[in-house]
Amino acid sequence: MDLRYGMNPQQRSAIAAPVDPGRWPIRVLHGSPSYINMLDALNSWQLVSEASNALDRPAAASFKHVSPAGAAVAGPVDEVTAELNGVDRAAVGALTSAYLRARDADPKSSYGDFVAVSQPVDAELAELLTRLVCDGVIAPGYAPGTVAALSQKKGGRFLVMEADPAYVPPRREAREVFGLRLTQERDEVVLSAALLDDVVCGTLPATAAEDLLLGLIVLRYTQSNSVCYLRGGATLGIGAGQQSRVDCTRLAGAKVDTWWLRRHPIVHALAFRPDVRLQDRINWQIRFIEGDLTAEEKLRLSGALSSPMPELTNEQRTSWLAALDEVAFVSDGALPFRDNVDHAYRHGVRYIAEPGGSIRSAEVQDACREHQIALARTGLRLFHH
């Protein structure tokens, strides 16, 4: 298969070919994928397929630059997400709910995302995708008429790809870098609740265990170093590709704060003019939450609102953030210092899963005990590069 281009547009010569001749794990139903589109499709499909099988619910992911901006299984869609996306929260279907919850984790980053869902795309999800800014979708099938509808997006350049759920990948995988071929065994360890049996402090409710399991699956397909925060079957903040794990923890934690503050009554009540586009509303919400608007930005935001701009005080912000609770936190590698626990605790974390085995694991455990956080040691590293 000739790809549109490689990693960058100047890399004009790029192809994709199956390792097993004639056996493709995915096929293109519409559009012309690039190298990165193909990586997004392959990684995101593995994530949602594995999550759906492990948790027995439809799963969805919103991918950007070969890492998920958000991921979720089917579940309740809250008022903020429903209103923003113009859906009836009481009537939304399971598959659409999974994607809405995944995209809402970090809607700023999900602008122009690659969508992955674990079940065939139905008419409801297809209609939603036609209204959102996204670049492509991968699913194990499509309801009649949905491929034709999606093919009209982006002036006909929207990618529609179909995964083969029965495909079994080779046991060894390889890549070539600067003239060197690197080959390794594929990581085939099954991620299940059994990995969370070693709870070294605190107790782990069933709902928290499900969130931690989802987190392990999410991080398996997220560029390392990576951590994620989760609650209620959805990611709230994912930190990917940081050289320092605590920086990753802080970055993802800031996304959690933004997600939670978007639910503050003052932020939710921002009254935008009807002509203000969805993504502009999201971006303005986030800038308003960040609290450091310049004088010029205040004028522009006021112009986008149909009523006077309210104020969100530091006291209101602090009080609201303190109410976030029951958050789960997962790390793809061992937590090297207790600072990760201290930062995670500030974002409502009550449950942590990490491999353990660092020379300071005892300090990490002590920090969890001090903060009354349940700690599960998986003994399994999930680096992804």
Protein backbone atom coordinates (compact mmCIF):
# COMPACT_ATOMS: atom_id res chain seq x y z
CA MET A 1 0.00 0.00 0.00
CA ASP A 2 1.41 3.39 -1.00
CA LEU A 3 1.07 5.85 1.88
CA ARG A 4 0.32 9.53 1.30
CA TYR A 5 3.74 10.40 2.74
CA GLY A 6 6.05 9.32 5.54
CA MET A 7 6.56 10.84 8.97
CA ASN A 8 6.71 14.30 7.33
CA PRO A 9 5.33 15.53 3.98
CA GLN A 10 8.85 15.85 2.52
CA GLN A 11 9.27 12.08 2.96
CA ARG A 12 7.29 11.34 -0.16
CA SER A 13 8.17 7.67 -0.55
CA ALA A 14 6.35 5.56 2.04
CA ILE A 15 4.67 2.19 1.86
CA ALA A 16 2.92 -0.30 4.14
CA ALA A 17 3.10 -4.05 3.54
CA PRO A 18 1.82 -6.98 5.60
CA VAL A 19 4.39 -9.14 7.38
CA ASP A 20 2.33 -12.16 6.42
CA PRO A 21 1.85 -11.71 2.65
CA GLY A 22 -1.80 -11.27 1.79
CA ARG A 23 -2.96 -10.97 5.43
CA TRP A 24 -3.73 -7.40 6.40
CA PRO A 25 -4.69 -6.49 10.00
CA ILE A 26 -6.59 -3.46 8.71
CA ARG A 27 -7.91 -2.21 5.39
CA VAL A 28 -8.63 1.25 4.08
CA LEU A 29 -12.24 1.80 3.09
CA HIS A 30 -11.81 5.45 2.18
CA GLY A 31 -8.97 7.96 2.00
CA SER A 32 -5.20 7.79 1.78
CA PRO A 33 -3.37 7.35 5.11
CA SER A 34 0.02 8.79 5.94
CA TYR A 35 2.70 6.99 7.96
CA ILE A 36 1.48 8.57 11.23
CA ASN A 37 -2.16 7.86 10.36
CA MET A 38 -1.22 4.21 10.05
CA LEU A 39 0.60 4.21 13.40
CA ASP A 40 -2.38 5.90 15.07
CA ALA A 41 -4.77 3.37 13.56
CA LEU A 42 -2.70 0.33 14.56
CA ASN A 43 -2.03 1.52 18.12
CA SER A 44 -5.52 2.82 18.83
CA TRP A 45 -7.22 -0.31 17.51
CA GLN A 46 -5.12 -2.52 19.79
CA LEU A 47 -6.00 -0.31 22.78
CA VAL A 48 -9.77 -0.32 22.29
CA SER A 49 -9.91 -4.00 21.37
CA GLU A 50 -7.95 -4.98 24.47
CA ALA A 51 -9.91 -2.64 26.75
CA SER A 52 -13.27 -3.89 25.48
CA ASN A 53 -12.28 -7.52 25.96
CA ALA A 54 -10.87 -6.91 29.45
CA LEU A 55 -13.79 -4.82 30.75
CA ASP A 56 -16.62 -6.34 28.67
CA ARG A 57 -17.89 -2.97 27.45
CA PRO A 58 -17.52 -0.95 24.25
CA ALA A 59 -14.32 1.08 24.31
CA ALA A 60 -13.08 4.14 22.45
CA ALA A 61 -9.90 6.16 22.15
CA SER A 62 -8.96 9.57 20.82
CA PHE A 63 -5.39 9.43 19.42
CA LYS A 64 -2.97 12.22 18.60
CA HIS A 65 0.63 11.67 17.49
CA VAL A 66 0.68 7.96 18.34
CA SER A 67 -0.58 8.38 21.93
CA PRO A 68 -4.10 8.58 23.32
CA ALA A 69 -5.38 12.00 24.35
CA GLY A 70 -8.19 10.11 26.04
CA ALA A 71 -9.72 6.65 26.33
CA ALA A 72 -12.87 5.29 27.94
CA VAL A 73 -15.35 2.46 28.09
CA ALA A 74 -19.09 3.00 27.69
CA GLY A 75 -20.73 4.76 30.61
CA PRO A 76 -22.77 7.77 31.72
CA VAL A 77 -22.25 11.01 29.80
CA ASP A 78 -22.40 13.96 32.17
CA GLU A 79 -24.20 17.24 31.56
CA VAL A 80 -21.07 19.16 30.58
CA THR A 81 -20.05 16.68 27.87
CA ALA A 82 -23.58 16.24 26.57
CA GLU A 83 -24.32 19.97 26.34
CA LEU A 84 -20.99 20.77 24.69
CA ASN A 85 -21.50 18.11 22.01
CA GLY A 86 -25.23 18.64 21.50
CA VAL A 87 -26.41 15.17 22.51
CA ASP A 88 -29.20 13.87 24.74
CA ARG A 89 -27.32 12.30 27.64
CA ALA A 90 -30.31 10.10 28.51
CA ALA A 91 -30.55 8.63 25.04
CA VAL A 92 -26.94 8.40 23.89
CA GLY A 93 -25.86 4.91 22.82
CA ALA A 94 -23.10 2.88 24.46
CA LEU A 95 -20.51 3.22 21.69
CA THR A 96 -21.06 6.95 21.29
CA SER A 97 -20.84 7.40 25.06
CA ALA A 98 -17.45 5.69 25.08
CA TYR A 99 -16.08 8.07 22.45
CA LEU A 100 -17.60 11.18 24.00
CA ARG A 101 -16.04 10.27 27.36
CA ALA A 102 -12.69 9.54 25.70
CA ARG A 103 -12.60 12.80 23.78
CA ASP A 104 -13.71 14.85 26.78
CA ALA A 105 -10.61 13.90 28.77
CA ASP A 106 -8.54 16.46 26.86
CA PRO A 107 -10.72 18.07 24.17
CA LYS A 108 -8.06 20.65 23.35
CA SER A 109 -5.60 17.90 22.36
CA SER A 110 -8.31 15.83 20.67
CA TYR A 111 -8.85 18.48 18.01
CA GLY A 112 -8.04 16.69 14.74
CA ASP A 113 -7.76 13.29 16.42
CA PHE A 114 -7.81 9.75 15.07
CA VAL A 115 -10.84 7.87 16.45
CA ALA A 116 -10.85 4.21 17.44
CA VAL A 117 -13.85 2.20 18.63
CA SER A 118 -14.12 -1.45 19.56
CA GLN A 119 -17.52 -2.11 17.94
CA PRO A 120 -18.89 -1.35 14.46
CA VAL A 121 -19.68 2.33 13.87
CA ASP A 122 -23.44 2.91 14.04
CA ALA A 123 -25.48 5.78 12.59
CA GLU A 124 -25.42 7.72 15.88
CA LEU A 125 -21.63 7.74 16.18
CA ALA A 126 -21.19 8.47 12.47
CA GLU A 127 -23.47 11.52 12.77
CA LEU A 128 -21.47 12.77 15.75
CA LEU A 129 -18.16 12.33 13.91
CA THR A 130 -19.43 14.32 10.93
CA ARG A 131 -19.82 17.31 13.31
CA LEU A 132 -16.43 17.05 15.02
CA VAL A 133 -12.95 17.93 13.80
CA CYS A 134 -11.20 14.58 13.46
CA ASP A 135 -8.98 13.04 10.79
CA GLY A 136 -10.04 9.41 10.64
CA VAL A 137 -11.64 6.43 12.33
CA ILE A 138 -10.88 2.75 12.74
CA ALA A 139 -13.49 0.18 13.76
CA PRO A 140 -14.21 -3.53 13.19
CA GLY A 141 -17.13 -2.67 10.90
CA TYR A 142 -19.62 -0.03 9.79
CA ALA A 143 -23.41 0.11 9.68
CA PRO A 144 -24.95 0.60 6.22
CA GLY A 145 -24.56 4.15 4.98
CA THR A 146 -22.00 5.24 7.58
CA VAL A 147 -18.93 4.86 5.35
CA ALA A 148 -20.57 7.00 2.68
CA ALA A 149 -21.50 9.66 5.23
CA LEU A 150 -18.03 9.76 6.78
CA SER A 151 -16.34 9.81 3.39
CA GLN A 152 -17.73 13.31 2.81
CA LYS A 153 -15.74 14.80 5.73
CA LYS A 154 -12.72 17.02 5.09
CA GLY A 155 -13.62 17.41 1.44
CA GLY A 156 -13.42 13.65 0.96
CA ARG A 157 -10.07 13.26 2.72
CA PHE A 158 -11.41 11.73 5.95
CA LEU A 159 -9.90 8.28 6.59
CA VAL A 160 -12.20 5.32 7.15
CA MET A 161 -10.36 2.15 8.15
CA GLU A 162 -11.60 -1.28 9.13
CA ALA A 163 -9.81 -3.61 11.56
CA ASP A 164 -9.88 -7.38 11.38
CA PRO A 165 -10.84 -8.54 14.91
CA ALA A 166 -9.66 -12.07 14.13
CA TYR A 167 -6.16 -11.02 13.10
CA VAL A 168 -3.36 -12.54 15.19
CA PRO A 169 -0.06 -10.62 14.90
CA PRO A 170 3.31 -12.38 14.53
CA ARG A 171 5.09 -13.30 17.77
CA ARG A 172 8.12 -11.25 16.77
CA GLU A 173 8.17 -7.66 15.59
CA ALA A 174 10.92 -5.55 14.05
CA ARG A 175 11.76 -2.00 13.06
CA GLU A 176 14.64 -0.46 11.16
CA VAL A 177 16.45 2.64 12.42
CA PHE A 178 19.49 4.20 10.71
CA GLY A 179 20.36 1.00 8.91
CA LEU A 180 19.88 -1.28 11.93
CA ARG A 181 17.04 -3.76 12.25
CA LEU A 182 15.80 -4.23 15.83
CA THR A 183 13.78 -7.36 16.54
CA GLN A 184 12.00 -8.39 19.73
CA GLU A 185 9.29 -10.68 20.98
CA ARG A 186 5.89 -9.08 20.97
CA ASP A 187 4.62 -8.27 24.49
CA GLU A 188 1.84 -10.83 24.83
CA VAL A 189 1.24 -10.63 28.59
CA VAL A 190 -2.51 -10.56 29.20
CA LEU A 191 -3.52 -7.50 31.22
CA SER A 192 -6.16 -8.61 33.72
CA ALA A 193 -7.42 -7.86 37.22
CA ALA A 194 -5.02 -10.52 38.53
CA LEU A 195 -2.17 -8.02 38.07
CA LEU A 196 -3.74 -5.96 40.87
CA ASP A 197 -3.78 -8.74 43.47
CA ASP A 198 -0.66 -7.49 45.26
CA VAL A 199 -2.19 -4.60 47.21
CA VAL A 200 0.59 -3.59 49.60
CA CYS A 201 -1.41 -0.93 51.46
CA GLY A 202 -5.06 0.11 51.65
CA THR A 203 -7.99 -1.61 49.99
CA LEU A 204 -9.03 -1.66 46.35
CA PRO A 205 -12.77 -1.50 45.53
CA ALA A 206 -13.96 -3.26 42.37
CA THR A 207 -14.64 0.03 40.57
CA ALA A 208 -11.13 1.28 41.31
CA ALA A 209 -9.64 -2.01 40.12
CA GLU A 210 -11.48 -1.59 36.80
CA ASP A 211 -10.10 1.93 36.42
CA LEU A 212 -6.58 0.73 37.17
CA LEU A 213 -6.92 -2.10 34.66
CA LEU A 214 -8.11 0.34 32.01
CA GLY A 215 -5.13 2.53 32.88
CA LEU A 216 -2.70 -0.34 32.37
CA ILE A 217 -4.16 -1.00 28.93
CA VAL A 218 -4.06 2.69 28.01
CA LEU A 219 -0.40 3.01 28.97
CA ARG A 220 0.55 -0.09 27.00
CA TYR A 221 -0.11 2.03 23.88
CA THR A 222 1.12 5.43 25.16
CA GLN A 223 4.58 6.81 24.46
CA SER A 224 6.76 6.42 27.58
CA ASN A 225 7.38 7.76 30.14
CA SER A 226 3.65 7.77 30.73
CA VAL A 227 1.07 7.96 33.51
CA CYS A 228 -2.68 8.37 33.51
CA TYR A 229 -5.41 9.43 35.90
CA LEU A 230 -8.82 7.75 35.64
CA ARG A 231 -12.25 7.76 37.22
CA GLY A 232 -15.50 6.02 36.35
CA GLY A 233 -14.13 4.07 33.38
CA ALA A 234 -12.53 7.04 31.63
CA THR A 235 -9.18 8.78 31.58
CA LEU A 236 -9.10 12.27 33.07
CA GLY A 237 -5.52 13.11 32.15
CA ILE A 238 -2.74 11.30 30.29
CA GLY A 239 0.92 12.33 30.41
CA ALA A 240 3.08 10.89 27.64
CA GLY A 241 6.65 10.98 26.43
CA GLN A 242 8.27 12.90 29.29
CA GLN A 243 11.88 12.26 30.25
CA SER A 244 11.06 12.78 33.94
CA ARG A 245 8.27 10.72 35.44
CA VAL A 246 7.28 13.39 37.95
CA ASP A 247 6.98 15.91 35.12
CA CYS A 248 4.68 13.42 33.44
CA THR A 249 2.67 13.14 36.66
CA ARG A 250 2.38 16.92 36.97
CA LEU A 251 1.45 17.41 33.30
CA ALA A 252 -1.30 14.80 33.47
CA GLY A 253 -2.42 16.18 36.84
CA ALA A 254 -2.86 19.65 35.33
CA LYS A 255 -5.13 18.07 32.70
CA VAL A 256 -7.15 16.46 35.49
CA ASP A 257 -7.60 19.84 37.15
CA THR A 258 -8.74 21.34 33.86
CA TRP A 259 -11.21 18.49 33.30
CA TRP A 260 -12.68 18.98 36.78
CA LEU A 261 -12.77 22.79 36.62
CA ARG A 262 -14.67 22.61 33.33
CA ARG A 263 -17.45 21.21 35.52
CA HIS A 264 -17.44 24.19 37.88
CA PRO A 265 -20.82 26.00 37.70
CA ILE A 266 -19.14 29.29 36.76
CA VAL A 267 -17.20 27.73 33.88
CA HIS A 268 -20.17 25.66 32.76
CA ALA A 269 -22.32 28.80 32.71
CA LEU A 270 -20.06 30.73 30.31
CA ALA A 271 -22.60 31.92 27.75
CA PHE A 272 -21.06 31.87 24.28
CA ARG A 273 -22.66 33.51 21.30
CA PRO A 274 -24.33 31.00 18.95
CA ASP A 275 -21.79 31.66 16.18
CA VAL A 276 -18.79 30.68 18.34
CA ARG A 277 -17.52 27.30 17.17
CA LEU A 278 -17.26 24.26 19.44
CA GLN A 279 -13.46 24.14 19.56
CA ASP A 280 -13.25 27.87 20.22
CA ARG A 281 -15.61 27.40 23.17
CA ILE A 282 -13.40 24.63 24.52
CA ASN A 283 -10.23 26.67 24.07
CA TRP A 284 -11.78 29.71 25.76
CA GLN A 285 -13.06 27.59 28.65
CA ILE A 286 -9.54 26.30 29.23
CA ARG A 287 -7.93 29.73 28.97
CA PHE A 288 -10.52 31.07 31.42
CA ILE A 289 -9.73 28.21 33.82
CA GLU A 290 -5.99 28.83 33.56
CA GLY A 291 -6.63 32.26 35.05
CA ASP A 292 -3.88 34.23 33.31
CA LEU A 293 -5.76 35.89 30.46
CA THR A 294 -3.98 38.86 28.95
CA ALA A 295 -5.84 42.13 28.53
CA GLU A 296 -6.22 41.42 24.81
CA GLU A 297 -7.54 37.91 25.49
CA LYS A 298 -10.09 39.29 27.97
CA LEU A 299 -11.42 41.57 25.26
CA ARG A 300 -11.65 38.71 22.76
CA LEU A 301 -13.32 36.38 25.27
CA SER A 302 -15.81 39.10 26.24
CA GLY A 303 -16.61 39.47 22.55
CA ALA A 304 -17.29 35.74 22.27
CA LEU A 305 -19.76 35.81 25.19
CA SER A 306 -23.38 36.89 25.10
CA SER A 307 -23.26 38.05 28.75
CA PRO A 308 -20.60 39.68 30.93
CA MET A 309 -17.55 37.54 31.70
CA PRO A 310 -17.76 36.16 35.27
CA GLU A 311 -14.88 35.76 37.70
CA LEU A 312 -13.49 32.51 39.05
CA THR A 313 -11.58 33.40 42.19
CA ASN A 314 -8.60 31.51 43.56
CA GLU A 315 -10.71 30.54 46.57
CA GLN A 316 -13.46 29.12 44.36
CA ARG A 317 -10.89 27.29 42.26
CA THR A 318 -9.15 25.78 45.30
CA SER A 319 -12.42 24.76 46.97
CA TRP A 320 -13.67 23.05 43.81
CA LEU A 321 -10.43 21.17 43.18
CA ALA A 322 -10.43 19.88 46.77
CA ALA A 323 -13.75 18.13 46.10
CA LEU A 324 -12.34 15.80 43.41
CA ASP A 325 -11.96 12.30 44.85
CA GLU A 326 -11.83 8.58 44.01
CA VAL A 327 -9.31 9.05 41.22
CA ALA A 328 -7.07 6.17 40.11
CA PHE A 329 -3.48 6.63 38.91
CA VAL A 330 -1.33 4.25 36.85
CA SER A 331 2.34 4.44 35.89
CA ASP A 332 3.93 2.45 33.06
CA GLY A 333 7.20 2.18 35.02
CA ALA A 334 8.25 2.06 38.65
CA LEU A 335 7.70 5.26 40.61
CA PRO A 336 11.29 6.28 41.45
CA PHE A 337 10.49 8.80 44.21
CA ARG A 338 7.60 9.62 46.50
CA ASP A 339 7.11 13.00 44.78
CA ASN A 340 4.90 11.27 42.20
CA VAL A 341 2.57 10.13 44.99
CA ASP A 342 2.57 13.57 46.62
CA HIS A 343 1.61 15.24 43.33
CA ALA A 344 -0.99 12.60 42.44
CA TYR A 345 -2.66 13.05 45.82
CA ARG A 346 -3.28 16.73 44.99
CA HIS A 347 -5.55 15.62 42.14
CA GLY A 348 -7.89 13.40 44.14
CA VAL A 349 -5.96 10.15 43.72
CA ARG A 350 -6.96 7.35 46.11
CA TYR A 351 -5.66 4.34 44.17
CA ILE A 352 -2.32 3.70 42.47
CA ALA A 353 -0.96 0.85 40.36
CA GLU A 354 2.74 0.73 39.42
CA PRO A 355 5.30 -2.01 38.79
CA GLY A 356 7.36 -1.48 41.95
CA GLY A 357 10.95 -2.68 42.21
CA SER A 358 12.65 0.69 42.44
CA ILE A 359 15.31 1.23 45.11
CA ARG A 360 12.91 3.70 46.76
CA SER A 361 9.75 1.62 46.51
CA ALA A 362 9.54 1.55 50.31
CA GLU A 363 9.38 5.36 50.33
CA VAL A 364 6.65 5.28 47.69
CA GLN A 365 4.67 2.84 49.82
CA ASP A 366 5.15 5.05 52.90
CA ALA A 367 3.84 8.05 50.96
CA CYS A 368 0.76 6.09 49.89
CA ARG A 369 0.14 5.06 53.49
CA GLU A 370 0.47 8.68 54.68
CA HIS A 371 -2.04 9.88 52.09
CA GLN A 372 -4.35 6.87 52.64
CA ILE A 373 -3.88 5.76 49.04
CA ALA A 374 -4.28 2.10 48.13
CA LEU A 375 -1.19 0.83 46.30
CA ALA A 376 -1.12 -2.18 43.97
CA ARG A 377 2.22 -3.49 42.70
CA THR A 378 1.86 -5.11 39.27
CA GLY A 379 5.48 -6.23 38.78
CA LEU A 380 4.98 -5.41 35.08
CA ARG A 381 6.62 -2.57 33.13
CA LEU A 382 4.69 -1.31 30.09
CA PHE A 383 7.11 0.92 28.19
CA HIS A 384 6.06 1.82 24.66
CA HIS A 385 8.25 3.55 22.05
